[in-house]
Amino acid sequence: MKNITGLLIAAVLHGMAPSSAFAHSGILESGCCWIFILFGALIVVAQLVPAALIIIGFIKGFPIKHPDVPEKAEKAGG
């Protein structure tokens, strides 16, 4: 079991070692960063619209307080 654990740890570390070699230093100049930020903002706005509609419907669903009607007027009218 120790051999398998050691082998897995070595494989993970070996896979992580060259990952920084593929980093691009000019990401801010290329515009990819802005595309990523705008896509994230689009997702946030797309989730806010249904949430706002649900909240508005919830607020409209509260019962409206009507003035109290005397019982005599209800019995006489009906």
N, C-alpha and C. Protein backbone atom coordinates (compact mmCIF):
# COMPACT_ATOMS: atom_id res chain seq x y z
N MET A 1 0.83 -1.19 0.00
CA MET A 1 0.00 0.00 0.00
C MET A 1 0.87 1.25 0.00
N LYS A 2 2.02 1.18 0.68
CA LYS A 2 2.91 2.33 0.71
C LYS A 2 3.47 2.62 -0.68
N ASN A 3 3.73 1.56 -1.45
CA ASN A 3 4.28 1.74 -2.79
C ASN A 3 3.27 2.44 -3.71
N ILE A 4 2.00 2.05 -3.59
CA ILE A 4 0.96 2.66 -4.44
C ILE A 4 0.77 4.11 -4.04
N THR A 5 0.74 4.41 -2.76
CA THR A 5 0.58 5.78 -2.29
C THR A 5 1.75 6.64 -2.75
N GLY A 6 2.95 6.12 -2.61
CA GLY A 6 4.13 6.86 -3.05
C GLY A 6 4.11 7.10 -4.55
N LEU A 7 3.67 6.11 -5.30
CA LEU A 7 3.59 6.23 -6.75
C LEU A 7 2.56 7.28 -7.15
N LEU A 8 1.42 7.29 -6.46
CA LEU A 8 0.39 8.29 -6.76
C LEU A 8 0.87 9.69 -6.43
N ILE A 9 1.53 9.86 -5.31
CA ILE A 9 2.06 11.17 -4.94
C ILE A 9 3.10 11.64 -5.95
N ALA A 10 3.95 10.73 -6.37
CA ALA A 10 4.97 11.09 -7.36
C ALA A 10 4.32 11.47 -8.70
N ALA A 11 3.27 10.77 -9.09
CA ALA A 11 2.60 11.08 -10.35
C ALA A 11 1.92 12.44 -10.29
N VAL A 12 1.30 12.76 -9.16
CA VAL A 12 0.65 14.06 -9.01
C VAL A 12 1.68 15.17 -9.03
N LEU A 13 2.77 15.01 -8.30
CA LEU A 13 3.81 16.03 -8.28
C LEU A 13 4.47 16.18 -9.65
N HIS A 14 4.64 15.09 -10.35
CA HIS A 14 5.22 15.14 -11.68
C HIS A 14 4.28 15.89 -12.64
N GLY A 15 3.00 15.71 -12.49
CA GLY A 15 2.04 16.40 -13.34
C GLY A 15 1.93 17.88 -13.03
N MET A 16 2.17 18.26 -11.78
CA MET A 16 2.07 19.65 -11.39
C MET A 16 3.33 20.45 -11.72
N ALA A 17 4.43 19.80 -11.87
CA ALA A 17 5.71 20.50 -12.04
C ALA A 17 5.76 21.38 -13.29
N PRO A 18 5.40 20.89 -14.47
CA PRO A 18 5.55 21.74 -15.65
C PRO A 18 4.36 22.66 -15.91
N SER A 19 3.40 22.71 -15.02
CA SER A 19 2.20 23.49 -15.30
C SER A 19 2.48 24.98 -15.42
N SER A 20 3.47 25.51 -14.72
CA SER A 20 3.76 26.94 -14.83
C SER A 20 4.49 27.27 -16.13
N ALA A 21 5.02 26.28 -16.81
CA ALA A 21 5.74 26.53 -18.05
C ALA A 21 4.79 26.96 -19.16
N PHE A 22 3.51 26.64 -19.05
CA PHE A 22 2.56 26.98 -20.08
C PHE A 22 1.85 28.30 -19.81
N ALA A 23 2.22 29.00 -18.75
CA ALA A 23 1.57 30.27 -18.42
C ALA A 23 1.94 31.31 -19.47
N HIS A 24 0.98 32.16 -19.77
CA HIS A 24 1.19 33.21 -20.76
C HIS A 24 1.29 34.53 -20.02
N SER A 25 2.36 35.27 -20.24
CA SER A 25 2.57 36.51 -19.50
C SER A 25 1.74 37.65 -20.05
N GLY A 26 1.32 37.59 -21.28
CA GLY A 26 0.59 38.70 -21.89
C GLY A 26 -0.91 38.51 -21.90
N ILE A 27 -1.47 37.90 -20.88
CA ILE A 27 -2.90 37.61 -20.88
C ILE A 27 -3.73 38.89 -20.78
N LEU A 28 -3.23 39.91 -20.06
CA LEU A 28 -3.99 41.14 -19.94
C LEU A 28 -4.00 41.93 -21.25
N GLU A 29 -2.96 41.85 -22.03
CA GLU A 29 -2.90 42.58 -23.28
C GLU A 29 -3.72 41.91 -24.38
N SER A 30 -3.93 40.62 -24.29
CA SER A 30 -4.60 39.91 -25.38
C SER A 30 -6.11 40.06 -25.35
N GLY A 31 -6.70 40.45 -24.27
CA GLY A 31 -8.14 40.61 -24.19
C GLY A 31 -8.87 39.39 -23.69
N CYS A 32 -8.19 38.27 -23.52
CA CYS A 32 -8.84 37.05 -23.03
C CYS A 32 -9.36 37.24 -21.61
N CYS A 33 -8.64 38.04 -20.85
CA CYS A 33 -9.05 38.29 -19.47
C CYS A 33 -10.39 39.01 -19.43
N TRP A 34 -10.58 39.99 -20.32
CA TRP A 34 -11.83 40.73 -20.34
C TRP A 34 -12.98 39.87 -20.82
N ILE A 35 -12.71 38.98 -21.74
CA ILE A 35 -13.76 38.07 -22.21
C ILE A 35 -14.22 37.18 -21.06
N PHE A 36 -13.27 36.70 -20.27
CA PHE A 36 -13.61 35.85 -19.13
C PHE A 36 -14.43 36.63 -18.10
N ILE A 37 -14.04 37.87 -17.81
CA ILE A 37 -14.77 38.69 -16.83
C ILE A 37 -16.17 39.00 -17.34
N LEU A 38 -16.30 39.35 -18.62
CA LEU A 38 -17.62 39.66 -19.17
C LEU A 38 -18.52 38.43 -19.20
N PHE A 39 -17.96 37.27 -19.47
CA PHE A 39 -18.76 36.04 -19.44
C PHE A 39 -19.27 35.76 -18.04
N GLY A 40 -18.42 35.98 -17.03
CA GLY A 40 -18.86 35.81 -15.63
C GLY A 40 -19.95 36.79 -15.27
N ALA A 41 -19.81 38.04 -15.72
CA ALA A 41 -20.85 39.05 -15.45
C ALA A 41 -22.16 38.67 -16.13
N LEU A 42 -22.07 38.12 -17.32
CA LEU A 42 -23.28 37.69 -18.04
C LEU A 42 -24.00 36.58 -17.27
N ILE A 43 -23.25 35.67 -16.70
CA ILE A 43 -23.86 34.60 -15.91
C ILE A 43 -24.55 35.17 -14.67
N VAL A 44 -23.90 36.13 -14.01
CA VAL A 44 -24.50 36.74 -12.80
C VAL A 44 -25.80 37.45 -13.16
N VAL A 45 -25.79 38.24 -14.23
CA VAL A 45 -27.00 38.96 -14.63
C VAL A 45 -28.10 37.99 -15.04
N ALA A 46 -27.73 36.92 -15.73
CA ALA A 46 -28.73 35.94 -16.15
C ALA A 46 -29.38 35.26 -14.95
N GLN A 47 -28.69 35.17 -13.83
CA GLN A 47 -29.29 34.57 -12.64
C GLN A 47 -30.05 35.59 -11.81
N LEU A 48 -29.73 36.87 -11.96
CA LEU A 48 -30.44 37.89 -11.20
C LEU A 48 -31.83 38.16 -11.75
N VAL A 49 -32.03 38.02 -13.05
CA VAL A 49 -33.33 38.31 -13.65
C VAL A 49 -34.41 37.37 -13.11
N PRO A 50 -34.26 36.05 -13.13
CA PRO A 50 -35.31 35.21 -12.56
C PRO A 50 -35.46 35.39 -11.05
N ALA A 51 -34.37 35.67 -10.38
CA ALA A 51 -34.46 35.89 -8.93
C ALA A 51 -35.29 37.14 -8.64
N ALA A 52 -35.09 38.19 -9.42
CA ALA A 52 -35.88 39.41 -9.23
C ALA A 52 -37.36 39.16 -9.52
N LEU A 53 -37.65 38.39 -10.56
CA LEU A 53 -39.04 38.07 -10.87
C LEU A 53 -39.71 37.27 -9.76
N ILE A 54 -38.97 36.35 -9.17
CA ILE A 54 -39.52 35.55 -8.08
C ILE A 54 -39.78 36.43 -6.86
N ILE A 55 -38.85 37.32 -6.55
CA ILE A 55 -39.03 38.22 -5.39
C ILE A 55 -40.22 39.15 -5.62
N ILE A 56 -40.36 39.70 -6.84
CA ILE A 56 -41.50 40.58 -7.13
C ILE A 56 -42.81 39.80 -7.00
N GLY A 57 -42.86 38.58 -7.50
CA GLY A 57 -44.06 37.77 -7.36
C GLY A 57 -44.37 37.42 -5.91
N PHE A 58 -43.32 37.21 -5.13
CA PHE A 58 -43.51 36.90 -3.71
C PHE A 58 -44.08 38.10 -2.98
N ILE A 59 -43.59 39.30 -3.32
CA ILE A 59 -44.09 40.52 -2.66
C ILE A 59 -45.53 40.78 -3.07
N LYS A 60 -45.85 40.56 -4.34
CA LYS A 60 -47.22 40.77 -4.79
C LYS A 60 -48.18 39.74 -4.19
N GLY A 61 -47.67 38.61 -3.78
CA GLY A 61 -48.52 37.56 -3.25
C GLY A 61 -48.97 37.78 -1.81
N PHE A 62 -48.38 38.74 -1.13
CA PHE A 62 -48.81 39.01 0.24
C PHE A 62 -50.25 39.51 0.23
N PRO A 63 -51.05 39.09 1.22
CA PRO A 63 -52.44 39.56 1.24
C PRO A 63 -52.50 41.06 1.53
N ILE A 64 -53.42 41.71 0.84
CA ILE A 64 -53.62 43.15 1.03
C ILE A 64 -54.54 43.34 2.23
N LYS A 65 -54.17 44.26 3.10
CA LYS A 65 -55.00 44.53 4.28
C LYS A 65 -56.16 45.44 3.87
N HIS A 66 -57.35 44.91 4.00
CA HIS A 66 -58.56 45.67 3.69
C HIS A 66 -59.11 46.26 4.99
N PRO A 67 -59.80 47.37 4.88
CA PRO A 67 -60.43 47.92 6.10
C PRO A 67 -61.49 46.95 6.62
N ASP A 68 -61.61 46.90 7.93
CA ASP A 68 -62.59 46.00 8.53
C ASP A 68 -64.00 46.43 8.16
N VAL A 69 -64.80 45.46 7.73
CA VAL A 69 -66.19 45.70 7.38
C VAL A 69 -67.04 45.23 8.57
N PRO A 70 -67.92 46.08 9.05
CA PRO A 70 -68.76 45.64 10.18
C PRO A 70 -69.61 44.44 9.80
N GLU A 71 -69.86 43.57 10.77
CA GLU A 71 -70.61 42.36 10.51
C GLU A 71 -72.06 42.63 10.12
N LYS A 72 -72.64 43.68 10.67
CA LYS A 72 -74.04 44.00 10.36
C LYS A 72 -74.21 44.32 8.89
N ALA A 73 -73.26 45.01 8.31
CA ALA A 73 -73.39 45.37 6.90
C ALA A 73 -73.27 44.13 6.02
N GLU A 74 -72.46 43.19 6.41
CA GLU A 74 -72.32 41.95 5.65
C GLU A 74 -73.62 41.14 5.70
N LYS A 75 -74.23 41.05 6.89
CA LYS A 75 -75.46 40.24 7.03
C LYS A 75 -76.63 40.91 6.32
N ALA A 76 -76.69 42.21 6.37
CA ALA A 76 -77.82 42.91 5.75
C ALA A 76 -77.71 42.84 4.23
N GLY A 77 -76.51 42.87 3.72
CA GLY A 77 -76.32 42.84 2.26
C GLY A 77 -76.49 41.46 1.69
N GLY A 78 -76.29 40.44 2.45
CA GLY A 78 -76.28 39.10 1.88
C GLY A 78 -77.50 38.37 2.22
